[in-house]
Amino acid sequence: AQYEDRGDVTCAYDTFQQCLDTARGPAGGSCIENPF
């Protein structure tokens, strides 16, 4: 989950849906595939 306004990236999700559920809403984040 990548948060543009905070410059924060949290790589802790096994599925894309888990990531979306966390990043959406007031957090204003988006999901990307972990390059590592």
Full PDB file with SEQRES, HELIX, SHEET, SSBOND, CRYST1, ORIGX, SCALE, CONECT and MASTER records, all heavy atoms in Angstrom:
SEQRES   1 A   36  ALA GLN TYR GLU ASP ARG GLY ASP VAL THR CYS ALA TYR          
SEQRES   2 A   36  ASP THR PHE GLN GLN CYS LEU ASP THR ALA ARG GLY PRO          
SEQRES   3 A   36  ALA GLY GLY SER CYS ILE GLU ASN PRO PHE                      
HELIX    1 AA1 PHE A   16  ALA A   23  1                                   8    
HELIX    2 AA2 GLY A   25  ALA A   27  5                                   3    
SHEET    1 AA1 3 ASP A   8  VAL A   9  0                                        
SHEET    2 AA1 3 GLN A   2  TYR A   3 -1                                        
SHEET    3 AA1 3 GLY A  29  SER A  30 -1                                        
SSBOND   1 CYS A   19    CYS A   31                          1555   1555  2.15  
CRYST1    1.000    1.000    1.000  90.00  90.00  90.00 P 1           1          
ORIGX1      1.000000  0.000000  0.000000        0.00000                         
ORIGX2      0.000000  1.000000  0.000000        0.00000                         
ORIGX3      0.000000  0.000000  1.000000        0.00000                         
SCALE1      1.000000  0.000000  0.000000        0.00000                         
SCALE2      0.000000  1.000000  0.000000        0.00000                         
SCALE3      0.000000  0.000000  1.000000        0.00000                         
ATOM      1  N   ALA A   1       0.865  -1.173   0.000  1.00  0.00           N  
ATOM      2  CA  ALA A   1       0.000   0.000   0.000  1.00  0.00           C  
ATOM      3  C   ALA A   1       0.902   1.223   0.000  1.00  0.00           C  
ATOM      4  O   ALA A   1       1.812   1.338   0.811  1.00  0.00           O  
ATOM      5  CB  ALA A   1      -0.901   0.002   1.227  1.00  0.00           C  
ATOM      6  N   GLN A   2       0.645   2.137  -0.932  1.00  0.00           N  
ATOM      7  CA  GLN A   2       1.478   3.323  -1.096  1.00  0.00           C  
ATOM      8  C   GLN A   2       0.617   4.552  -0.836  1.00  0.00           C  
ATOM      9  O   GLN A   2      -0.431   4.719  -1.438  1.00  0.00           O  
ATOM     10  CB  GLN A   2       2.028   3.333  -2.519  1.00  0.00           C  
ATOM     11  CG  GLN A   2       2.978   4.423  -2.831  1.00  0.00           C  
ATOM     12  CD  GLN A   2       3.550   4.276  -4.230  1.00  0.00           C  
ATOM     13  OE1 GLN A   2       2.942   3.661  -5.098  1.00  0.00           O  
ATOM     14  NE2 GLN A   2       4.709   4.844  -4.446  1.00  0.00           N  
ATOM     15  N   TYR A   3       1.084   5.416   0.064  1.00  0.00           N  
ATOM     16  CA  TYR A   3       0.351   6.619   0.443  1.00  0.00           C  
ATOM     17  C   TYR A   3       1.145   7.831  -0.024  1.00  0.00           C  
ATOM     18  O   TYR A   3       2.181   8.170   0.545  1.00  0.00           O  
ATOM     19  CB  TYR A   3       0.128   6.656   1.951  1.00  0.00           C  
ATOM     20  CG  TYR A   3      -0.594   5.434   2.459  1.00  0.00           C  
ATOM     21  CD1 TYR A   3       0.109   4.364   2.997  1.00  0.00           C  
ATOM     22  CD2 TYR A   3      -1.969   5.342   2.361  1.00  0.00           C  
ATOM     23  CE1 TYR A   3      -0.547   3.232   3.437  1.00  0.00           C  
ATOM     24  CE2 TYR A   3      -2.644   4.203   2.802  1.00  0.00           C  
ATOM     25  CZ  TYR A   3      -1.917   3.160   3.337  1.00  0.00           C  
ATOM     26  OH  TYR A   3      -2.574   2.034   3.778  1.00  0.00           O  
ATOM     27  N   GLU A   4       0.657   8.484  -1.090  1.00  0.00           N  
ATOM     28  CA  GLU A   4       1.369   9.590  -1.714  1.00  0.00           C  
ATOM     29  C   GLU A   4       1.566  10.774  -0.765  1.00  0.00           C  
ATOM     30  O   GLU A   4       2.647  11.324  -0.675  1.00  0.00           O  
ATOM     31  CB  GLU A   4       0.611  10.060  -2.967  1.00  0.00           C  
ATOM     32  CG  GLU A   4       0.465   9.004  -4.024  1.00  0.00           C  
ATOM     33  CD  GLU A   4       1.760   8.698  -4.747  1.00  0.00           C  
ATOM     34  OE1 GLU A   4       2.628   9.581  -4.821  1.00  0.00           O  
ATOM     35  OE2 GLU A   4       1.906   7.557  -5.217  1.00  0.00           O  
ATOM     36  N   ASP A   5       0.505  11.156  -0.056  1.00  0.00           N  
ATOM     37  CA  ASP A   5       0.583  12.363   0.781  1.00  0.00           C  
ATOM     38  C   ASP A   5       1.534  12.197   1.965  1.00  0.00           C  
ATOM     39  O   ASP A   5       2.159  13.154   2.407  1.00  0.00           O  
ATOM     40  CB  ASP A   5      -0.809  12.772   1.266  1.00  0.00           C  
ATOM     41  CG  ASP A   5      -1.530  11.665   2.005  1.00  0.00           C  
ATOM     42  OD1 ASP A   5      -1.223  10.485   1.781  1.00  0.00           O  
ATOM     43  OD2 ASP A   5      -2.421  11.996   2.817  1.00  0.00           O  
ATOM     44  N   ARG A   6       1.675  10.988   2.474  1.00  0.00           N  
ATOM     45  CA  ARG A   6       2.561  10.745   3.616  1.00  0.00           C  
ATOM     46  C   ARG A   6       3.928  10.236   3.191  1.00  0.00           C  
ATOM     47  O   ARG A   6       4.864  10.232   3.986  1.00  0.00           O  
ATOM     48  CB  ARG A   6       1.954   9.713   4.557  1.00  0.00           C  
ATOM     49  CG  ARG A   6       0.637  10.120   5.143  1.00  0.00           C  
ATOM     50  CD  ARG A   6       0.155   9.141   6.156  1.00  0.00           C  
ATOM     51  NE  ARG A   6       0.137   7.767   5.657  1.00  0.00           N  
ATOM     52  CZ  ARG A   6      -0.636   6.817   6.137  1.00  0.00           C  
ATOM     53  NH1 ARG A   6      -1.460   7.083   7.133  1.00  0.00           N  
ATOM     54  NH2 ARG A   6      -0.605   5.613   5.658  1.00  0.00           N  
ATOM     55  N   GLY A   7       4.046   9.774   1.948  1.00  0.00           N  
ATOM     56  CA  GLY A   7       5.293   9.189   1.481  1.00  0.00           C  
ATOM     57  C   GLY A   7       5.585   7.850   2.133  1.00  0.00           C  
ATOM     58  O   GLY A   7       6.728   7.443   2.267  1.00  0.00           O  
ATOM     59  N   ASP A   8       4.539   7.162   2.533  1.00  0.00           N  
ATOM     60  CA  ASP A   8       4.658   5.912   3.278  1.00  0.00           C  
ATOM     61  C   ASP A   8       4.332   4.736   2.362  1.00  0.00           C  
ATOM     62  O   ASP A   8       3.430   4.812   1.537  1.00  0.00           O  
ATOM     63  CB  ASP A   8       3.688   5.957   4.456  1.00  0.00           C  
ATOM     64  CG  ASP A   8       3.847   4.801   5.399  1.00  0.00           C  
ATOM     65  OD1 ASP A   8       4.908   4.168   5.398  1.00  0.00           O  
ATOM     66  OD2 ASP A   8       2.894   4.523   6.153  1.00  0.00           O  
ATOM     67  N   VAL A   9       5.072   3.647   2.512  1.00  0.00           N  
ATOM     68  CA  VAL A   9       4.795   2.409   1.783  1.00  0.00           C  
ATOM     69  C   VAL A   9       4.784   1.271   2.793  1.00  0.00           C  
ATOM     70  O   VAL A   9       5.712   1.130   3.585  1.00  0.00           O  
ATOM     71  CB  VAL A   9       5.863   2.142   0.700  1.00  0.00           C  
ATOM     72  CG1 VAL A   9       5.612   0.808   0.018  1.00  0.00           C  
ATOM     73  CG2 VAL A   9       5.885   3.256  -0.323  1.00  0.00           C  
ATOM     74  N   THR A  10       3.714   0.461   2.770  1.00  0.00           N  
ATOM     75  CA  THR A  10       3.586  -0.674   3.674  1.00  0.00           C  
ATOM     76  C   THR A  10       3.402  -1.934   2.846  1.00  0.00           C  
ATOM     77  O   THR A  10       2.386  -2.096   2.179  1.00  0.00           O  
ATOM     78  CB  THR A  10       2.374  -0.485   4.612  1.00  0.00           C  
ATOM     79  OG1 THR A  10       2.519   0.738   5.303  1.00  0.00           O  
ATOM     80  CG2 THR A  10       2.271  -1.626   5.594  1.00  0.00           C  
ATOM     81  N   CYS A  11       4.382  -2.815   2.890  1.00  0.00           N  
ATOM     82  CA  CYS A  11       4.318  -4.074   2.134  1.00  0.00           C  
ATOM     83  C   CYS A  11       3.979  -5.198   3.101  1.00  0.00           C  
ATOM     84  O   CYS A  11       4.869  -5.817   3.678  1.00  0.00           O  
ATOM     85  CB  CYS A  11       5.648  -4.342   1.436  1.00  0.00           C  
ATOM     86  SG  CYS A  11       6.068  -3.082   0.227  1.00  0.00           S  
ATOM     87  N   ALA A  12       2.685  -5.452   3.283  1.00  0.00           N  
ATOM     88  CA  ALA A  12       2.255  -6.446   4.265  1.00  0.00           C  
ATOM     89  C   ALA A  12       1.000  -7.188   3.823  1.00  0.00           C  
ATOM     90  O   ALA A  12       0.205  -7.607   4.650  1.00  0.00           O  
ATOM     91  CB  ALA A  12       2.014  -5.764   5.605  1.00  0.00           C  
ATOM     92  N   TYR A  13       0.816  -7.346   2.507  1.00  0.00           N  
ATOM     93  CA  TYR A  13      -0.431  -7.922   2.024  1.00  0.00           C  
ATOM     94  C   TYR A  13      -0.179  -9.076   1.065  1.00  0.00           C  
ATOM     95  O   TYR A  13       0.604  -8.953   0.124  1.00  0.00           O  
ATOM     96  CB  TYR A  13      -1.276  -6.843   1.330  1.00  0.00           C  
ATOM     97  CG  TYR A  13      -1.449  -5.633   2.208  1.00  0.00           C  
ATOM     98  CD1 TYR A  13      -0.683  -4.493   2.008  1.00  0.00           C  
ATOM     99  CD2 TYR A  13      -2.330  -5.662   3.279  1.00  0.00           C  
ATOM    100  CE1 TYR A  13      -0.818  -3.398   2.834  1.00  0.00           C  
ATOM    101  CE2 TYR A  13      -2.468  -4.572   4.114  1.00  0.00           C  
ATOM    102  CZ  TYR A  13      -1.703  -3.442   3.881  1.00  0.00           C  
ATOM    103  OH  TYR A  13      -1.826  -2.361   4.710  1.00  0.00           O  
ATOM    104  N   ASP A  14      -0.866 -10.198   1.299  1.00  0.00           N  
ATOM    105  CA  ASP A  14      -0.747 -11.363   0.437  1.00  0.00           C  
ATOM    106  C   ASP A  14      -1.585 -11.236  -0.823  1.00  0.00           C  
ATOM    107  O   ASP A  14      -1.225 -11.754  -1.874  1.00  0.00           O  
ATOM    108  CB  ASP A  14      -1.190 -12.634   1.178  1.00  0.00           C  
ATOM    109  CG  ASP A  14      -0.174 -13.068   2.216  1.00  0.00           C  
ATOM    110  OD1 ASP A  14       1.033 -12.996   1.937  1.00  0.00           O  
ATOM    111  OD2 ASP A  14      -0.592 -13.474   3.311  1.00  0.00           O  
ATOM    112  N   THR A  15      -2.735 -10.565  -0.719  1.00  0.00           N  
ATOM    113  CA  THR A  15      -3.620 -10.427  -1.873  1.00  0.00           C  
ATOM    114  C   THR A  15      -3.837  -8.956  -2.193  1.00  0.00           C  
ATOM    115  O   THR A  15      -3.713  -8.082  -1.344  1.00  0.00           O  
ATOM    116  CB  THR A  15      -4.987 -11.077  -1.621  1.00  0.00           C  
ATOM    117  OG1 THR A  15      -5.674 -10.338  -0.603  1.00  0.00           O  
ATOM    118  CG2 THR A  15      -4.843 -12.537  -1.210  1.00  0.00           C  
ATOM    119  N   PHE A  16      -4.170  -8.714  -3.451  1.00  0.00           N  
ATOM    120  CA  PHE A  16      -4.440  -7.340  -3.894  1.00  0.00           C  
ATOM    121  C   PHE A  16      -5.669  -6.788  -3.172  1.00  0.00           C  
ATOM    122  O   PHE A  16      -5.710  -5.613  -2.817  1.00  0.00           O  
ATOM    123  CB  PHE A  16      -4.644  -7.326  -5.410  1.00  0.00           C  
ATOM    124  CG  PHE A  16      -4.635  -5.953  -5.995  1.00  0.00           C  
ATOM    125  CD1 PHE A  16      -3.455  -5.226  -6.072  1.00  0.00           C  
ATOM    126  CD2 PHE A  16      -5.797  -5.385  -6.477  1.00  0.00           C  
ATOM    127  CE1 PHE A  16      -3.438  -3.958  -6.610  1.00  0.00           C  
ATOM    128  CE2 PHE A  16      -5.792  -4.115  -7.022  1.00  0.00           C  
ATOM    129  CZ  PHE A  16      -4.610  -3.399  -7.094  1.00  0.00           C  
ATOM    130  N   GLN A  17      -6.661  -7.643  -2.928  1.00  0.00           N  
ATOM    131  CA  GLN A  17      -7.873  -7.191  -2.242  1.00  0.00           C  
ATOM    132  C   GLN A  17      -7.575  -6.761  -0.809  1.00  0.00           C  
ATOM    133  O   GLN A  17      -8.122  -5.767  -0.343  1.00  0.00           O  
ATOM    134  CB  GLN A  17      -8.940  -8.297  -2.250  1.00  0.00           C  
ATOM    135  CG  GLN A  17     -10.293  -7.826  -1.760  1.00  0.00           C  
ATOM    136  CD  GLN A  17     -10.865  -6.709  -2.625  1.00  0.00           C  
ATOM    137  OE1 GLN A  17     -10.878  -6.796  -3.842  1.00  0.00           O  
ATOM    138  NE2 GLN A  17     -11.329  -5.645  -1.989  1.00  0.00           N  
ATOM    139  N   GLN A  18      -6.718  -7.471  -0.098  1.00  0.00           N  
ATOM    140  CA  GLN A  18      -6.323  -7.046   1.256  1.00  0.00           C  
ATOM    141  C   GLN A  18      -5.708  -5.657   1.209  1.00  0.00           C  
ATOM    142  O   GLN A  18      -5.994  -4.806   2.054  1.00  0.00           O  
ATOM    143  CB  GLN A  18      -5.296  -8.005   1.847  1.00  0.00           C  
ATOM    144  CG  GLN A  18      -5.805  -9.329   2.291  1.00  0.00           C  
ATOM    145  CD  GLN A  18      -4.662 -10.232   2.756  1.00  0.00           C  
ATOM    146  OE1 GLN A  18      -3.511 -10.023   2.413  1.00  0.00           O  
ATOM    147  NE2 GLN A  18      -5.009 -11.255   3.528  1.00  0.00           N  
ATOM    148  N   CYS A  19      -4.869  -5.429   0.241  1.00  0.00           N  
ATOM    149  CA  CYS A  19      -4.216  -4.143   0.096  1.00  0.00           C  
ATOM    150  C   CYS A  19      -5.241  -3.042  -0.185  1.00  0.00           C  
ATOM    151  O   CYS A  19      -5.217  -1.980   0.438  1.00  0.00           O  
ATOM    152  CB  CYS A  19      -3.181  -4.209  -1.024  1.00  0.00           C  
ATOM    153  SG  CYS A  19      -2.256  -2.691  -1.240  1.00  0.00           S  
ATOM    154  N   LEU A  20      -6.161  -3.303  -1.111  1.00  0.00           N  
ATOM    155  CA  LEU A  20      -7.185  -2.313  -1.445  1.00  0.00           C  
ATOM    156  C   LEU A  20      -8.072  -1.986  -0.244  1.00  0.00           C  
ATOM    157  O   LEU A  20      -8.414  -0.825  -0.017  1.00  0.00           O  
ATOM    158  CB  LEU A  20      -8.062  -2.807  -2.591  1.00  0.00           C  
ATOM    159  CG  LEU A  20      -7.460  -2.748  -3.985  1.00  0.00           C  
ATOM    160  CD1 LEU A  20      -8.429  -3.357  -4.991  1.00  0.00           C  
ATOM    161  CD2 LEU A  20      -7.102  -1.336  -4.371  1.00  0.00           C  
ATOM    162  N   ASP A  21      -8.450  -3.010   0.507  1.00  0.00           N  
ATOM    163  CA  ASP A  21      -9.303  -2.790   1.678  1.00  0.00           C  
ATOM    164  C   ASP A  21      -8.634  -1.866   2.690  1.00  0.00           C  
ATOM    165  O   ASP A  21      -9.300  -1.096   3.378  1.00  0.00           O  
ATOM    166  CB  ASP A  21      -9.653  -4.114   2.353  1.00  0.00           C  
ATOM    167  CG  ASP A  21     -10.576  -4.973   1.495  1.00  0.00           C  
ATOM    168  OD1 ASP A  21     -11.195  -4.430   0.553  1.00  0.00           O  
ATOM    169  OD2 ASP A  21     -10.665  -6.189   1.768  1.00  0.00           O  
ATOM    170  N   THR A  22      -7.330  -1.936   2.798  1.00  0.00           N  
ATOM    171  CA  THR A  22      -6.599  -1.105   3.747  1.00  0.00           C  
ATOM    172  C   THR A  22      -6.314   0.283   3.180  1.00  0.00           C  
ATOM    173  O   THR A  22      -6.435   1.282   3.882  1.00  0.00           O  
ATOM    174  CB  THR A  22      -5.265  -1.777   4.122  1.00  0.00           C  
ATOM    175  OG1 THR A  22      -5.549  -3.073   4.638  1.00  0.00           O  
ATOM    176  CG2 THR A  22      -4.519  -0.982   5.160  1.00  0.00           C  
ATOM    177  N   ALA A  23      -5.928   0.358   1.926  1.00  0.00           N  
ATOM    178  CA  ALA A  23      -5.459   1.621   1.348  1.00  0.00           C  
ATOM    179  C   ALA A  23      -6.583   2.563   0.932  1.00  0.00           C  
ATOM    180  O   ALA A  23      -6.388   3.773   0.890  1.00  0.00           O  
ATOM    181  CB  ALA A  23      -4.571   1.328   0.144  1.00  0.00           C  
ATOM    182  N   ARG A  24      -7.743   2.024   0.612  1.00  0.00           N  
ATOM    183  CA  ARG A  24      -8.860   2.874   0.152  1.00  0.00           C  
ATOM    184  C   ARG A  24      -9.384   3.767   1.248  1.00  0.00           C  
ATOM    185  O   ARG A  24      -9.056   3.618   2.410  1.00  0.00           O  
ATOM    186  CB  ARG A  24     -10.004   1.984  -0.320  1.00  0.00           C  
ATOM    187  CG  ARG A  24      -9.855   1.513  -1.705  1.00  0.00           C  
ATOM    188  CD  ARG A  24     -11.168   0.967  -2.164  1.00  0.00           C  
ATOM    189  NE  ARG A  24     -10.963  -0.306  -2.847  1.00  0.00           N  
ATOM    190  CZ  ARG A  24     -11.916  -1.146  -3.106  1.00  0.00           C  
ATOM    191  NH1 ARG A  24     -13.136  -0.918  -2.739  1.00  0.00           N  
ATOM    192  NH2 ARG A  24     -11.653  -2.254  -3.746  1.00  0.00           N  
ATOM    193  N   GLY A  25     -10.264   4.666   0.846  1.00  0.00           N  
ATOM    194  CA  GLY A  25     -10.958   5.509   1.810  1.00  0.00           C  
ATOM    195  C   GLY A  25     -10.154   6.734   2.197  1.00  0.00           C  
ATOM    196  O   GLY A  25      -9.418   7.292   1.390  1.00  0.00           O  
ATOM    197  N   PRO A  26     -10.318   7.176   3.445  1.00  0.00           N  
ATOM    198  CA  PRO A  26      -9.671   8.413   3.870  1.00  0.00           C  
ATOM    199  C   PRO A  26      -8.142   8.343   3.843  1.00  0.00           C  
ATOM    200  O   PRO A  26      -7.471   9.358   3.805  1.00  0.00           O  
ATOM    201  CB  PRO A  26     -10.157   8.623   5.307  1.00  0.00           C  
ATOM    202  CG  PRO A  26     -10.958   7.442   5.672  1.00  0.00           C  
ATOM    203  CD  PRO A  26     -11.123   6.579   4.480  1.00  0.00           C  
ATOM    204  N   ALA A  27      -7.595   7.135   3.849  1.00  0.00           N  
ATOM    205  CA  ALA A  27      -6.141   7.005   3.825  1.00  0.00           C  
ATOM    206  C   ALA A  27      -5.580   7.509   2.496  1.00  0.00           C  
ATOM    207  O   ALA A  27      -4.449   7.978   2.434  1.00  0.00           O  
ATOM    208  CB  ALA A  27      -5.736   5.558   4.062  1.00  0.00           C  
ATOM    209  N   GLY A  28      -6.364   7.385   1.425  1.00  0.00           N  
ATOM    210  CA  GLY A  28      -5.952   7.908   0.125  1.00  0.00           C  
ATOM    211  C   GLY A  28      -4.770   7.186  -0.487  1.00  0.00           C  
ATOM    212  O   GLY A  28      -3.945   7.802  -1.144  1.00  0.00           O  
ATOM    213  N   GLY A  29      -4.698   5.889  -0.303  1.00  0.00           N  
ATOM    214  CA  GLY A  29      -3.561   5.140  -0.827  1.00  0.00           C  
ATOM    215  C   GLY A  29      -3.902   4.352  -2.070  1.00  0.00           C  
ATOM    216  O   GLY A  29      -5.055   4.267  -2.494  1.00  0.00           O  
ATOM    217  N   SER A  30      -2.883   3.800  -2.658  1.00  0.00           N  
ATOM    218  CA  SER A  30      -3.052   2.925  -3.808  1.00  0.00           C  
ATOM    219  C   SER A  30      -2.194   1.686  -3.584  1.00  0.00           C  
ATOM    220  O   SER A  30      -1.337   1.662  -2.712  1.00  0.00           O  
ATOM    221  CB  SER A  30      -2.632   3.639  -5.094  1.00  0.00           C  
ATOM    222  OG  SER A  30      -1.281   4.032  -5.017  1.00  0.00           O  
ATOM    223  N   CYS A  31      -2.421   0.659  -4.379  1.00  0.00           N  
ATOM    224  CA  CYS A  31      -1.703  -0.597  -4.205  1.00  0.00           C  
ATOM    225  C   CYS A  31      -0.797  -0.865  -5.395  1.00  0.00           C  
ATOM    226  O   CYS A  31      -1.163  -0.599  -6.538  1.00  0.00           O  
ATOM    227  CB  CYS A  31      -2.691  -1.748  -4.039  1.00  0.00           C  
ATOM    228  SG  CYS A  31      -3.624  -1.621  -2.511  1.00  0.00           S  
ATOM    229  N   ILE A  32       0.371  -1.382  -5.090  1.00  0.00           N  
ATOM    230  CA  ILE A  32       1.334  -1.750  -6.118  1.00  0.00           C  
ATOM    231  C   ILE A  32       1.888  -3.130  -5.782  1.00  0.00           C  
ATOM    232  O   ILE A  32       1.798  -3.578  -4.647  1.00  0.00           O  
ATOM    233  CB  ILE A  32       2.495  -0.736  -6.209  1.00  0.00           C  
ATOM    234  CG1 ILE A  32       3.234  -0.630  -4.875  1.00  0.00           C  
ATOM    235  CG2 ILE A  32       2.023   0.610  -6.680  1.00  0.00           C  
ATOM    236  CD1 ILE A  32       4.523   0.171  -4.931  1.00  0.00           C  
ATOM    237  N   GLU A  33       2.449  -3.785  -6.788  1.00  0.00           N  
ATOM    238  CA  GLU A  33       3.096  -5.068  -6.529  1.00  0.00           C  
ATOM    239  C   GLU A  33       4.476  -4.798  -5.946  1.00  0.00           C  
ATOM    240  O   GLU A  33       5.194  -3.906  -6.399  1.00  0.00           O  
ATOM    241  CB  GLU A  33       3.197  -5.889  -7.803  1.00  0.00           C  
ATOM    242  CG  GLU A  33       3.600  -7.311  -7.536  1.00  0.00           C  
ATOM    243  CD  GLU A  33       3.313  -8.244  -8.698  1.00  0.00           C  
ATOM    244  OE1 GLU A  33       2.847  -7.792  -9.746  1.00  0.00           O  
ATOM    245  OE2 GLU A  33       3.568  -9.443  -8.532  1.00  0.00           O  
ATOM    246  N   ASN A  34       4.850  -5.560  -4.942  1.00  0.00           N  
ATOM    247  CA  ASN A  34       6.132  -5.404  -4.268  1.00  0.00           C  
ATOM    248  C   ASN A  34       7.259  -5.776  -5.238  1.00  0.00           C  
ATOM    249  O   ASN A  34       7.310  -6.897  -5.723  1.00  0.00           O  
ATOM    250  CB  ASN A  34       6.179  -6.306  -3.031  1.00  0.00           C  
ATOM    251  CG  ASN A  34       7.409  -6.118  -2.194  1.00  0.00           C  
ATOM    252  OD1 ASN A  34       8.374  -5.480  -2.600  1.00  0.00           O  
ATOM    253  ND2 ASN A  34       7.386  -6.678  -1.000  1.00  0.00           N  
ATOM    254  N   PRO A  35       8.181  -4.848  -5.522  1.00  0.00           N  
ATOM    255  CA  PRO A  35       9.255  -5.167  -6.460  1.00  0.00           C  
ATOM    256  C   PRO A  35      10.243  -6.200  -5.917  1.00  0.00           C  
ATOM    257  O   PRO A  35      11.006  -6.781  -6.674  1.00  0.00           O  
ATOM    258  CB  PRO A  35       9.943  -3.820  -6.683  1.00  0.00           C  
ATOM    259  CG  PRO A  35       9.568  -2.988  -5.526  1.00  0.00           C  
ATOM    260  CD  PRO A  35       8.227  -3.478  -5.057  1.00  0.00           C  
ATOM    261  N   PHE A  36      10.227  -6.461  -4.605  1.00  0.00           N  
ATOM    262  CA  PHE A  36      11.138  -7.423  -4.003  1.00  0.00           C  
ATOM    263  C   PHE A  36      10.507  -8.800  -3.819  1.00  0.00           C  
ATOM    264  O   PHE A  36      11.146  -9.714  -3.319  1.00  0.00           O  
ATOM    265  CB  PHE A  36      11.637  -6.909  -2.651  1.00  0.00           C  
ATOM    266  CG  PHE A  36      12.387  -5.613  -2.781  1.00  0.00           C  
ATOM    267  CD1 PHE A  36      11.809  -4.428  -2.363  1.00  0.00           C  
ATOM    268  CD2 PHE A  36      13.640  -5.581  -3.340  1.00  0.00           C  
ATOM    269  CE1 PHE A  36      12.490  -3.231  -2.491  1.00  0.00           C  
ATOM    270  CE2 PHE A  36      14.336  -4.391  -3.475  1.00  0.00           C  
ATOM    271  CZ  PHE A  36      13.754  -3.215  -3.050  1.00  0.00           C  
TER     272      PHE A  36                                                      
CONECT  153  228                                                                
CONECT  228  153                                                                
MASTER        0    0    0    2    3    0    0    6  271    1    2    3          
END                                                                             
